[in-house]
Amino acid sequence: MLIDNDPKLDFDDVLIRPKRSELGSRKDVDLIREYTFKHSQHKYKGIPILAANMDTIATLALVFVHFMILIFMLGLKFDKIDERLKRLEAELLSPPYEPTQ
């Protein structure tokens, strides 16, 4: 058995210090990055954030929003593909809100 004696860091052990920048404003920051996956050579261009999809609060509409702003959205691990497609079709065909008088 290999025993790892390297020190481990926690959030309390890490200090993020501001750095000088040539940017004039936060709106000038570009979060989109391009990655090439090591084994498949597929390319990904987007914002490297993973959003965990929780079954009690997330809907397919949220998946679409994440897709539109180039953020990864993880599916539920117990979802079957055919069930997910049925829910997707139902949400796409239903109106997003009820009209008010």
PDB file of N, CA and C in Angstrom:
ATOM      1  N   MET A   1       0.852  -1.170   0.000  1.00  0.00           N
ATOM      2  CA  MET A   1       0.000   0.000   0.000  1.00  0.00           C
ATOM      3  C   MET A   1       0.901   1.237   0.000  1.00  0.00           C
ATOM      4  N   LEU A   2       0.549   2.210  -0.831  1.00  0.00           N
ATOM      5  CA  LEU A   2       1.298   3.455  -0.932  1.00  0.00           C
ATOM      6  C   LEU A   2       0.722   4.477   0.041  1.00  0.00           C
ATOM      7  N   ILE A   3       1.563   5.010   0.888  1.00  0.00           N
ATOM      8  CA  ILE A   3       1.130   6.030   1.845  1.00  0.00           C
ATOM      9  C   ILE A   3       1.567   7.383   1.318  1.00  0.00           C
ATOM     10  N   ASP A   4       0.621   8.257   1.161  1.00  0.00           N
ATOM     11  CA  ASP A   4       0.878   9.592   0.621  1.00  0.00           C
ATOM     12  C   ASP A   4       1.116  10.556   1.773  1.00  0.00           C
ATOM     13  N   ASN A   5       2.335  11.067   1.885  1.00  0.00           N
ATOM     14  CA  ASN A   5       2.685  11.976   2.976  1.00  0.00           C
ATOM     15  C   ASN A   5       2.718  13.435   2.544  1.00  0.00           C
ATOM     16  N   ASP A   6       2.309  13.730   1.326  1.00  0.00           N
ATOM     17  CA  ASP A   6       2.298  15.118   0.859  1.00  0.00           C
ATOM     18  C   ASP A   6       1.285  15.927   1.659  1.00  0.00           C
ATOM     19  N   PRO A   7       1.609  17.189   1.946  1.00  0.00           N
ATOM     20  CA  PRO A   7       0.633  18.014   2.681  1.00  0.00           C
ATOM     21  C   PRO A   7      -0.607  18.271   1.835  1.00  0.00           C
ATOM     22  N   LYS A   8      -1.736  18.269   2.473  1.00  0.00           N
ATOM     23  CA  LYS A   8      -3.009  18.537   1.797  1.00  0.00           C
ATOM     24  C   LYS A   8      -3.483  19.926   2.190  1.00  0.00           C
ATOM     25  N   LEU A   9      -4.054  20.638   1.233  1.00  0.00           N
ATOM     26  CA  LEU A   9      -4.517  21.998   1.484  1.00  0.00           C
ATOM     27  C   LEU A   9      -6.029  22.041   1.542  1.00  0.00           C
ATOM     28  N   ASP A  10      -6.534  22.917   2.378  1.00  0.00           N
ATOM     29  CA  ASP A  10      -7.959  23.152   2.511  1.00  0.00           C
ATOM     30  C   ASP A  10      -8.210  24.604   2.116  1.00  0.00           C
ATOM     31  N   PHE A  11      -9.462  25.020   2.077  1.00  0.00           N
ATOM     32  CA  PHE A  11      -9.772  26.405   1.718  1.00  0.00           C
ATOM     33  C   PHE A  11      -9.131  27.397   2.687  1.00  0.00           C
ATOM     34  N   ASP A  12      -8.977  26.997   3.939  1.00  0.00           N
ATOM     35  CA  ASP A  12      -8.356  27.880   4.931  1.00  0.00           C
ATOM     36  C   ASP A  12      -6.854  28.048   4.694  1.00  0.00           C
ATOM     37  N   ASP A  13      -6.252  27.125   3.943  1.00  0.00           N
ATOM     38  CA  ASP A  13      -4.810  27.148   3.726  1.00  0.00           C
ATOM     39  C   ASP A  13      -4.395  27.899   2.459  1.00  0.00           C
ATOM     40  N   VAL A  14      -5.350  28.320   1.664  1.00  0.00           N
ATOM     41  CA  VAL A  14      -5.038  28.930   0.374  1.00  0.00           C
ATOM     42  C   VAL A  14      -5.434  30.397   0.394  1.00  0.00           C
ATOM     43  N   LEU A  15      -4.515  31.242  -0.025  1.00  0.00           N
ATOM     44  CA  LEU A  15      -4.780  32.669  -0.114  1.00  0.00           C
ATOM     45  C   LEU A  15      -4.711  33.079  -1.582  1.00  0.00           C
ATOM     46  N   ILE A  16      -5.788  33.632  -2.086  1.00  0.00           N
ATOM     47  CA  ILE A  16      -5.809  34.123  -3.461  1.00  0.00           C
ATOM     48  C   ILE A  16      -5.516  35.611  -3.417  1.00  0.00           C
ATOM     49  N   ARG A  17      -4.415  35.980  -4.029  1.00  0.00           N
ATOM     50  CA  ARG A  17      -4.006  37.380  -4.018  1.00  0.00           C
ATOM     51  C   ARG A  17      -4.351  38.033  -5.348  1.00  0.00           C
ATOM     52  N   PRO A  18      -4.787  39.281  -5.310  1.00  0.00           N
ATOM     53  CA  PRO A  18      -5.064  39.979  -6.562  1.00  0.00           C
ATOM     54  C   PRO A  18      -3.777  40.190  -7.350  1.00  0.00           C
ATOM     55  N   LYS A  19      -3.922  40.279  -8.655  1.00  0.00           N
ATOM     56  CA  LYS A  19      -2.777  40.431  -9.531  1.00  0.00           C
ATOM     57  C   LYS A  19      -2.995  41.643 -10.420  1.00  0.00           C
ATOM     58  N   ARG A  20      -1.929  42.317 -10.762  1.00  0.00           N
ATOM     59  CA  ARG A  20      -2.042  43.457 -11.678  1.00  0.00           C
ATOM     60  C   ARG A  20      -2.551  42.988 -13.023  1.00  0.00           C
ATOM     61  N   SER A  21      -3.343  43.832 -13.643  1.00  0.00           N
ATOM     62  CA  SER A  21      -3.928  43.467 -14.926  1.00  0.00           C
ATOM     63  C   SER A  21      -3.990  44.691 -15.824  1.00  0.00           C
ATOM     64  N   GLU A  22      -3.975  44.439 -17.108  1.00  0.00           N
ATOM     65  CA  GLU A  22      -4.103  45.511 -18.095  1.00  0.00           C
ATOM     66  C   GLU A  22      -5.573  45.792 -18.425  1.00  0.00           C
ATOM     67  N   LEU A  23      -6.481  44.980 -17.874  1.00  0.00           N
ATOM     68  CA  LEU A  23      -7.898  45.152 -18.169  1.00  0.00           C
ATOM     69  C   LEU A  23      -8.435  46.391 -17.467  1.00  0.00           C
ATOM     70  N   GLY A  24      -9.312  47.098 -18.162  1.00  0.00           N
ATOM     71  CA  GLY A  24      -9.882  48.302 -17.585  1.00  0.00           C
ATOM     72  C   GLY A  24     -11.056  48.027 -16.672  1.00  0.00           C
ATOM     73  N   SER A  25     -11.743  46.897 -16.900  1.00  0.00           N
ATOM     74  CA  SER A  25     -12.947  46.600 -16.143  1.00  0.00           C
ATOM     75  C   SER A  25     -13.150  45.092 -16.077  1.00  0.00           C
ATOM     76  N   ARG A  26     -14.009  44.642 -15.151  1.00  0.00           N
ATOM     77  CA  ARG A  26     -14.326  43.213 -15.069  1.00  0.00           C
ATOM     78  C   ARG A  26     -15.068  42.728 -16.301  1.00  0.00           C
ATOM     79  N   LYS A  27     -15.768  43.629 -16.991  1.00  0.00           N
ATOM     80  CA  LYS A  27     -16.509  43.210 -18.186  1.00  0.00           C
ATOM     81  C   LYS A  27     -15.573  42.835 -19.336  1.00  0.00           C
ATOM     82  N   ASP A  28     -14.300  43.196 -19.241  1.00  0.00           N
ATOM     83  CA  ASP A  28     -13.326  42.861 -20.276  1.00  0.00           C
ATOM     84  C   ASP A  28     -12.760  41.450 -20.131  1.00  0.00           C
ATOM     85  N   VAL A  29     -13.093  40.762 -19.058  1.00  0.00           N
ATOM     86  CA  VAL A  29     -12.575  39.416 -18.816  1.00  0.00           C
ATOM     87  C   VAL A  29     -13.285  38.430 -19.739  1.00  0.00           C
ATOM     88  N   ASP A  30     -12.504  37.575 -20.395  1.00  0.00           N
ATOM     89  CA  ASP A  30     -13.055  36.545 -21.270  1.00  0.00           C
ATOM     90  C   ASP A  30     -12.913  35.196 -20.565  1.00  0.00           C
ATOM     91  N   LEU A  31     -14.034  34.589 -20.184  1.00  0.00           N
ATOM     92  CA  LEU A  31     -14.008  33.323 -19.455  1.00  0.00           C
ATOM     93  C   LEU A  31     -13.948  32.112 -20.371  1.00  0.00           C
ATOM     94  N   ILE A  32     -14.163  32.300 -21.656  1.00  0.00           N
ATOM     95  CA  ILE A  32     -14.218  31.179 -22.592  1.00  0.00           C
ATOM     96  C   ILE A  32     -12.803  30.669 -22.854  1.00  0.00           C
ATOM     97  N   ARG A  33     -12.636  29.365 -22.697  1.00  0.00           N
ATOM     98  CA  ARG A  33     -11.352  28.703 -22.923  1.00  0.00           C
ATOM     99  C   ARG A  33     -11.547  27.585 -23.935  1.00  0.00           C
ATOM    100  N   GLU A  34     -10.470  27.222 -24.604  1.00  0.00           N
ATOM    101  CA  GLU A  34     -10.529  26.106 -25.550  1.00  0.00           C
ATOM    102  C   GLU A  34      -9.607  25.002 -25.051  1.00  0.00           C
ATOM    103  N   TYR A  35     -10.150  23.786 -24.972  1.00  0.00           N
ATOM    104  CA  TYR A  35      -9.398  22.629 -24.514  1.00  0.00           C
ATOM    105  C   TYR A  35      -9.424  21.556 -25.589  1.00  0.00           C
ATOM    106  N   THR A  36      -8.332  20.818 -25.699  1.00  0.00           N
ATOM    107  CA  THR A  36      -8.286  19.623 -26.528  1.00  0.00           C
ATOM    108  C   THR A  36      -8.100  18.450 -25.579  1.00  0.00           C
ATOM    109  N   PHE A  37      -9.043  17.502 -25.603  1.00  0.00           N
ATOM    110  CA  PHE A  37      -8.985  16.366 -24.697  1.00  0.00           C
ATOM    111  C   PHE A  37      -7.847  15.430 -25.100  1.00  0.00           C
ATOM    112  N   LYS A  38      -7.151  14.932 -24.116  1.00  0.00           N
ATOM    113  CA  LYS A  38      -5.914  14.191 -24.327  1.00  0.00           C
ATOM    114  C   LYS A  38      -6.094  12.925 -25.161  1.00  0.00           C
ATOM    115  N   HIS A  39      -7.075  12.109 -24.839  1.00  0.00           N
ATOM    116  CA  HIS A  39      -7.192  10.805 -25.485  1.00  0.00           C
ATOM    117  C   HIS A  39      -8.072  10.815 -26.724  1.00  0.00           C
ATOM    118  N   SER A  40      -9.044  11.691 -26.785  1.00  0.00           N
ATOM    119  CA  SER A  40      -9.953  11.683 -27.935  1.00  0.00           C
ATOM    120  C   SER A  40      -9.625  12.759 -28.959  1.00  0.00           C
ATOM    121  N   GLN A  41      -8.847  13.750 -28.563  1.00  0.00           N
ATOM    122  CA  GLN A  41      -8.514  14.900 -29.410  1.00  0.00           C
ATOM    123  C   GLN A  41      -9.735  15.753 -29.760  1.00  0.00           C
ATOM    124  N   HIS A  42     -10.873  15.516 -29.081  1.00  0.00           N
ATOM    125  CA  HIS A  42     -12.026  16.393 -29.261  1.00  0.00           C
ATOM    126  C   HIS A  42     -11.698  17.749 -28.660  1.00  0.00           C
ATOM    127  N   LYS A  43     -12.287  18.771 -29.238  1.00  0.00           N
ATOM    128  CA  LYS A  43     -12.058  20.122 -28.730  1.00  0.00           C
ATOM    129  C   LYS A  43     -13.313  20.613 -28.016  1.00  0.00           C
ATOM    130  N   TYR A  44     -13.097  21.354 -26.955  1.00  0.00           N
ATOM    131  CA  TYR A  44     -14.185  21.988 -26.216  1.00  0.00           C
ATOM    132  C   TYR A  44     -13.864  23.463 -26.123  1.00  0.00           C
ATOM    133  N   LYS A  45     -14.853  24.287 -26.437  1.00  0.00           N
ATOM    134  CA  LYS A  45     -14.692  25.724 -26.279  1.00  0.00           C
ATOM    135  C   LYS A  45     -15.878  26.217 -25.471  1.00  0.00           C
ATOM    136  N   GLY A  46     -15.606  26.765 -24.306  1.00  0.00           N
ATOM    137  CA  GLY A  46     -16.674  27.242 -23.440  1.00  0.00           C
ATOM    138  C   GLY A  46     -16.114  27.702 -22.112  1.00  0.00           C
ATOM    139  N   ILE A  47     -17.005  27.838 -21.151  1.00  0.00           N
ATOM    140  CA  ILE A  47     -16.622  28.260 -19.806  1.00  0.00           C
ATOM    141  C   ILE A  47     -16.434  26.998 -18.964  1.00  0.00           C
ATOM    142  N   PRO A  48     -15.231  26.754 -18.447  1.00  0.00           N
ATOM    143  CA  PRO A  48     -14.961  25.489 -17.758  1.00  0.00           C
ATOM    144  C   PRO A  48     -15.542  25.424 -16.348  1.00  0.00           C
ATOM    145  N   ILE A  49     -16.863  25.385 -16.274  1.00  0.00           N
ATOM    146  CA  ILE A  49     -17.572  25.248 -15.003  1.00  0.00           C
ATOM    147  C   ILE A  49     -18.515  24.066 -15.143  1.00  0.00           C
ATOM    148  N   LEU A  50     -18.547  23.196 -14.148  1.00  0.00           N
ATOM    149  CA  LEU A  50     -19.482  22.079 -14.134  1.00  0.00           C
ATOM    150  C   LEU A  50     -20.622  22.408 -13.190  1.00  0.00           C
ATOM    151  N   ALA A  51     -21.842  22.359 -13.698  1.00  0.00           N
ATOM    152  CA  ALA A  51     -23.022  22.593 -12.869  1.00  0.00           C
ATOM    153  C   ALA A  51     -23.666  21.247 -12.578  1.00  0.00           C
ATOM    154  N   ALA A  52     -23.848  20.931 -11.309  1.00  0.00           N
ATOM    155  CA  ALA A  52     -24.463  19.668 -10.922  1.00  0.00           C
ATOM    156  C   ALA A  52     -25.974  19.809 -10.988  1.00  0.00           C
ATOM    157  N   ASN A  53     -26.608  18.959 -11.745  1.00  0.00           N
ATOM    158  CA  ASN A  53     -28.043  18.991 -11.930  1.00  0.00           C
ATOM    159  C   ASN A  53     -28.715  18.216 -10.799  1.00  0.00           C
ATOM    160  N   MET A  54     -29.422  18.903  -9.912  1.00  0.00           N
ATOM    161  CA  MET A  54     -30.109  18.250  -8.805  1.00  0.00           C
ATOM    162  C   MET A  54     -31.578  18.054  -9.185  1.00  0.00           C
ATOM    163  N   ASP A  55     -32.082  16.852  -8.971  1.00  0.00           N
ATOM    164  CA  ASP A  55     -33.418  16.509  -9.460  1.00  0.00           C
ATOM    165  C   ASP A  55     -34.539  17.310  -8.818  1.00  0.00           C
ATOM    166  N   THR A  56     -34.318  17.897  -7.666  1.00  0.00           N
ATOM    167  CA  THR A  56     -35.410  18.612  -7.010  1.00  0.00           C
ATOM    168  C   THR A  56     -35.525  20.062  -7.447  1.00  0.00           C
ATOM    169  N   ILE A  57     -34.480  20.628  -8.030  1.00  0.00           N
ATOM    170  CA  ILE A  57     -34.554  22.040  -8.401  1.00  0.00           C
ATOM    171  C   ILE A  57     -34.270  22.313  -9.868  1.00  0.00           C
ATOM    172  N   ALA A  58     -33.602  21.411 -10.555  1.00  0.00           N
ATOM    173  CA  ALA A  58     -33.200  21.682 -11.937  1.00  0.00           C
ATOM    174  C   ALA A  58     -34.248  21.180 -12.921  1.00  0.00           C
ATOM    175  N   THR A  59     -34.417  21.922 -13.982  1.00  0.00           N
ATOM    176  CA  THR A  59     -35.315  21.520 -15.056  1.00  0.00           C
ATOM    177  C   THR A  59     -34.523  21.507 -16.352  1.00  0.00           C
ATOM    178  N   LEU A  60     -35.155  21.011 -17.395  1.00  0.00           N
ATOM    179  CA  LEU A  60     -34.480  21.026 -18.687  1.00  0.00           C
ATOM    180  C   LEU A  60     -34.272  22.448 -19.182  1.00  0.00           C
ATOM    181  N   ALA A  61     -35.111  23.369 -18.742  1.00  0.00           N
ATOM    182  CA  ALA A  61     -34.905  24.772 -19.106  1.00  0.00           C
ATOM    183  C   ALA A  61     -33.558  25.259 -18.581  1.00  0.00           C
ATOM    184  N   LEU A  62     -33.195  24.816 -17.380  1.00  0.00           N
ATOM    185  CA  LEU A  62     -31.898  25.183 -16.818  1.00  0.00           C
ATOM    186  C   LEU A  62     -30.761  24.584 -17.642  1.00  0.00           C
ATOM    187  N   VAL A  63     -30.953  23.372 -18.121  1.00  0.00           N
ATOM    188  CA  VAL A  63     -29.950  22.748 -18.988  1.00  0.00           C
ATOM    189  C   VAL A  63     -29.752  23.596 -20.240  1.00  0.00           C
ATOM    190  N   PHE A  64     -30.848  24.069 -20.827  1.00  0.00           N
ATOM    191  CA  PHE A  64     -30.743  24.901 -22.028  1.00  0.00           C
ATOM    192  C   PHE A  64     -30.022  26.212 -21.741  1.00  0.00           C
ATOM    193  N   VAL A  65     -30.305  26.818 -20.600  1.00  0.00           N
ATOM    194  CA  VAL A  65     -29.629  28.075 -20.251  1.00  0.00           C
ATOM    195  C   VAL A  65     -28.130  27.843 -20.132  1.00  0.00           C
ATOM    196  N   HIS A  66     -27.740  26.774 -19.454  1.00  0.00           N
ATOM    197  CA  HIS A  66     -26.313  26.466 -19.334  1.00  0.00           C
ATOM    198  C   HIS A  66     -25.703  26.194 -20.704  1.00  0.00           C
ATOM    199  N   PHE A  67     -26.445  25.501 -21.551  1.00  0.00           N
ATOM    200  CA  PHE A  67     -25.950  25.219 -22.903  1.00  0.00           C
ATOM    201  C   PHE A  67     -25.740  26.514 -23.687  1.00  0.00           C
ATOM    202  N   MET A  68     -26.660  27.452 -23.560  1.00  0.00           N
ATOM    203  CA  MET A  68     -26.569  28.705 -24.310  1.00  0.00           C
ATOM    204  C   MET A  68     -25.399  29.571 -23.841  1.00  0.00           C
ATOM    205  N   ILE A  69     -25.016  29.473 -22.572  1.00  0.00           N
ATOM    206  CA  ILE A  69     -23.889  30.281 -22.095  1.00  0.00           C
ATOM    207  C   ILE A  69     -22.612  29.449 -21.975  1.00  0.00           C
ATOM    208  N   LEU A  70     -22.605  28.288 -22.629  1.00  0.00           N
ATOM    209  CA  LEU A  70     -21.406  27.452 -22.786  1.00  0.00           C
ATOM    210  C   LEU A  70     -20.856  26.889 -21.480  1.00  0.00           C
ATOM    211  N   ILE A  71     -21.748  26.493 -20.568  1.00  0.00           N
ATOM    212  CA  ILE A  71     -21.332  25.869 -19.311  1.00  0.00           C
ATOM    213  C   ILE A  71     -21.770  24.405 -19.332  1.00  0.00           C
ATOM    214  N   PHE A  72     -20.900  23.514 -18.842  1.00  0.00           N
ATOM    215  CA  PHE A  72     -21.246  22.097 -18.737  1.00  0.00           C
ATOM    216  C   PHE A  72     -22.420  21.911 -17.788  1.00  0.00           C
ATOM    217  N   MET A  73     -23.316  21.008 -18.117  1.00  0.00           N
ATOM    218  CA  MET A  73     -24.405  20.636 -17.208  1.00  0.00           C
ATOM    219  C   MET A  73     -24.418  19.120 -17.122  1.00  0.00           C
ATOM    220  N   LEU A  74     -24.266  18.592 -15.934  1.00  0.00           N
ATOM    221  CA  LEU A  74     -24.250  17.152 -15.743  1.00  0.00           C
ATOM    222  C   LEU A  74     -25.671  16.629 -15.626  1.00  0.00           C
ATOM    223  N   GLY A  75     -25.923  15.498 -16.251  1.00  0.00           N
ATOM    224  CA  GLY A  75     -27.235  14.876 -16.152  1.00  0.00           C
ATOM    225  C   GLY A  75     -27.361  14.064 -14.875  1.00  0.00           C
ATOM    226  N   LEU A  76     -28.588  13.718 -14.548  1.00  0.00           N
ATOM    227  CA  LEU A  76     -28.813  12.878 -13.371  1.00  0.00           C
ATOM    228  C   LEU A  76     -28.328  11.470 -13.665  1.00  0.00           C
ATOM    229  N   LYS A  77     -27.677  10.840 -12.712  1.00  0.00           N
ATOM    230  CA  LYS A  77     -27.088   9.538 -13.004  1.00  0.00           C
ATOM    231  C   LYS A  77     -28.134   8.433 -13.127  1.00  0.00           C
ATOM    232  N   PHE A  78     -29.320   8.634 -12.588  1.00  0.00           N
ATOM    233  CA  PHE A  78     -30.344   7.605 -12.686  1.00  0.00           C
ATOM    234  C   PHE A  78     -31.303   7.853 -13.840  1.00  0.00           C
ATOM    235  N   ASP A  79     -31.092   8.914 -14.594  1.00  0.00           N
ATOM    236  CA  ASP A  79     -31.941   9.213 -15.746  1.00  0.00           C
ATOM    237  C   ASP A  79     -31.676   8.234 -16.878  1.00  0.00           C
ATOM    238  N   LYS A  80     -32.735   7.742 -17.454  1.00  0.00           N
ATOM    239  CA  LYS A  80     -32.627   6.937 -18.667  1.00  0.00           C
ATOM    240  C   LYS A  80     -32.750   7.882 -19.855  1.00  0.00           C
ATOM    241  N   ILE A  81     -32.067   7.569 -20.932  1.00  0.00           N
ATOM    242  CA  ILE A  81     -32.054   8.454 -22.093  1.00  0.00           C
ATOM    243  C   ILE A  81     -33.468   8.660 -22.642  1.00  0.00           C
ATOM    244  N   ASP A  82     -34.265   7.594 -22.753  1.00  0.00           N
ATOM    245  CA  ASP A  82     -35.613   7.741 -23.313  1.00  0.00           C
ATOM    246  C   ASP A  82     -36.504   8.594 -22.403  1.00  0.00           C
ATOM    247  N   GLU A  83     -36.343   8.463 -21.078  1.00  0.00           N
ATOM    248  CA  GLU A  83     -37.109   9.312 -20.158  1.00  0.00           C
ATOM    249  C   GLU A  83     -36.699  10.776 -20.299  1.00  0.00           C
ATOM    250  N   ARG A  84     -35.410  11.005 -20.434  1.00  0.00           N
ATOM    251  CA  ARG A  84     -34.917  12.373 -20.586  1.00  0.00           C
ATOM    252  C   ARG A  84     -35.439  12.993 -21.884  1.00  0.00           C
ATOM    253  N   LEU A  85     -35.461  12.209 -22.962  1.00  0.00           N
ATOM    254  CA  LEU A  85     -35.969  12.720 -24.239  1.00  0.00           C
ATOM    255  C   LEU A  85     -37.463  13.027 -24.165  1.00  0.00           C
ATOM    256  N   LYS A  86     -38.236  12.201 -23.455  1.00  0.00           N
ATOM    257  CA  LYS A  86     -39.671  12.467 -23.294  1.00  0.00           C
ATOM    258  C   LYS A  86     -39.900  13.764 -22.521  1.00  0.00           C
ATOM    259  N   ARG A  87     -39.142  13.969 -21.438  1.00  0.00           N
ATOM    260  CA  ARG A  87     -39.269  15.214 -20.670  1.00  0.00           C
ATOM    261  C   ARG A  87     -38.844  16.414 -21.500  1.00  0.00           C
ATOM    262  N   LEU A  88     -37.798  16.236 -22.278  1.00  0.00           N
ATOM    263  CA  LEU A  88     -37.322  17.316 -23.138  1.00  0.00           C
ATOM    264  C   LEU A  88     -38.392  17.699 -24.153  1.00  0.00           C
ATOM    265  N   GLU A  89     -38.998  16.709 -24.778  1.00  0.00           N
ATOM    266  CA  GLU A  89     -40.058  16.972 -25.755  1.00  0.00           C
ATOM    267  C   GLU A  89     -41.254  17.646 -25.092  1.00  0.00           C
ATOM    268  N   ALA A  90     -41.633  17.190 -23.903  1.00  0.00           N
ATOM    269  CA  ALA A  90     -42.771  17.789 -23.199  1.00  0.00           C
ATOM    270  C   ALA A  90     -42.492  19.244 -22.847  1.00  0.00           C
ATOM    271  N   GLU A  91     -41.278  19.543 -22.402  1.00  0.00           N
ATOM    272  CA  GLU A  91     -40.952  20.929 -22.046  1.00  0.00           C
ATOM    273  C   GLU A  91     -40.844  21.812 -23.272  1.00  0.00           C
ATOM    274  N   LEU A  92     -40.359  21.261 -24.370  1.00  0.00           N
ATOM    275  CA  LEU A  92     -40.240  22.067 -25.589  1.00  0.00           C
ATOM    276  C   LEU A  92     -41.601  22.397 -26.187  1.00  0.00           C
ATOM    277  N   LEU A  93     -42.558  21.486 -26.038  1.00  0.00           N
ATOM    278  CA  LEU A  93     -43.873  21.689 -26.638  1.00  0.00           C
ATOM    279  C   LEU A  93     -44.837  22.434 -25.732  1.00  0.00           C
ATOM    280  N   SER A  94     -44.506  22.580 -24.456  1.00  0.00           N
ATOM    281  CA  SER A  94     -45.412  23.283 -23.550  1.00  0.00           C
ATOM    282  C   SER A  94     -45.026  24.757 -23.482  1.00  0.00           C
ATOM    283  N   PRO A  95     -46.021  25.650 -23.288  1.00  0.00           N
ATOM    284  CA  PRO A  95     -45.693  27.079 -23.188  1.00  0.00           C
ATOM    285  C   PRO A  95     -44.913  27.353 -21.903  1.00  0.00           C
ATOM    286  N   PRO A  96     -44.005  28.309 -21.930  1.00  0.00           N
ATOM    287  CA  PRO A  96     -43.196  28.577 -20.745  1.00  0.00           C
ATOM    288  C   PRO A  96     -43.968  29.213 -19.601  1.00  0.00           C
ATOM    289  N   TYR A  97     -45.117  29.809 -19.886  1.00  0.00           N
ATOM    290  CA  TYR A  97     -45.903  30.439 -18.827  1.00  0.00           C
ATOM    291  C   TYR A  97     -47.368  30.447 -19.242  1.00  0.00           C
ATOM    292  N   GLU A  98     -48.211  30.702 -18.296  1.00  0.00           N
ATOM    293  CA  GLU A  98     -49.639  30.837 -18.581  1.00  0.00           C
ATOM    294  C   GLU A  98     -49.932  32.309 -18.843  1.00  0.00           C
ATOM    295  N   PRO A  99     -50.611  32.627 -19.936  1.00  0.00           N
ATOM    296  CA  PRO A  99     -50.925  34.043 -20.197  1.00  0.00           C
ATOM    297  C   PRO A  99     -51.878  34.593 -19.142  1.00  0.00           C
ATOM    298  N   THR A 100     -51.666  35.827 -18.770  1.00  0.00           N
ATOM    299  CA  THR A 100     -52.539  36.470 -17.787  1.00  0.00           C
ATOM    300  C   THR A 100     -53.475  37.436 -18.496  1.00  0.00           C
ATOM    301  N   GLN A 101     -54.628  37.683 -17.888  1.00  0.00           N
ATOM    302  CA  GLN A 101     -55.626  38.589 -18.485  1.00  0.00           C
ATOM    303  C   GLN A 101     -55.359  40.006 -18.077  1.00  0.00           C
TER     304      GLN A 101
END
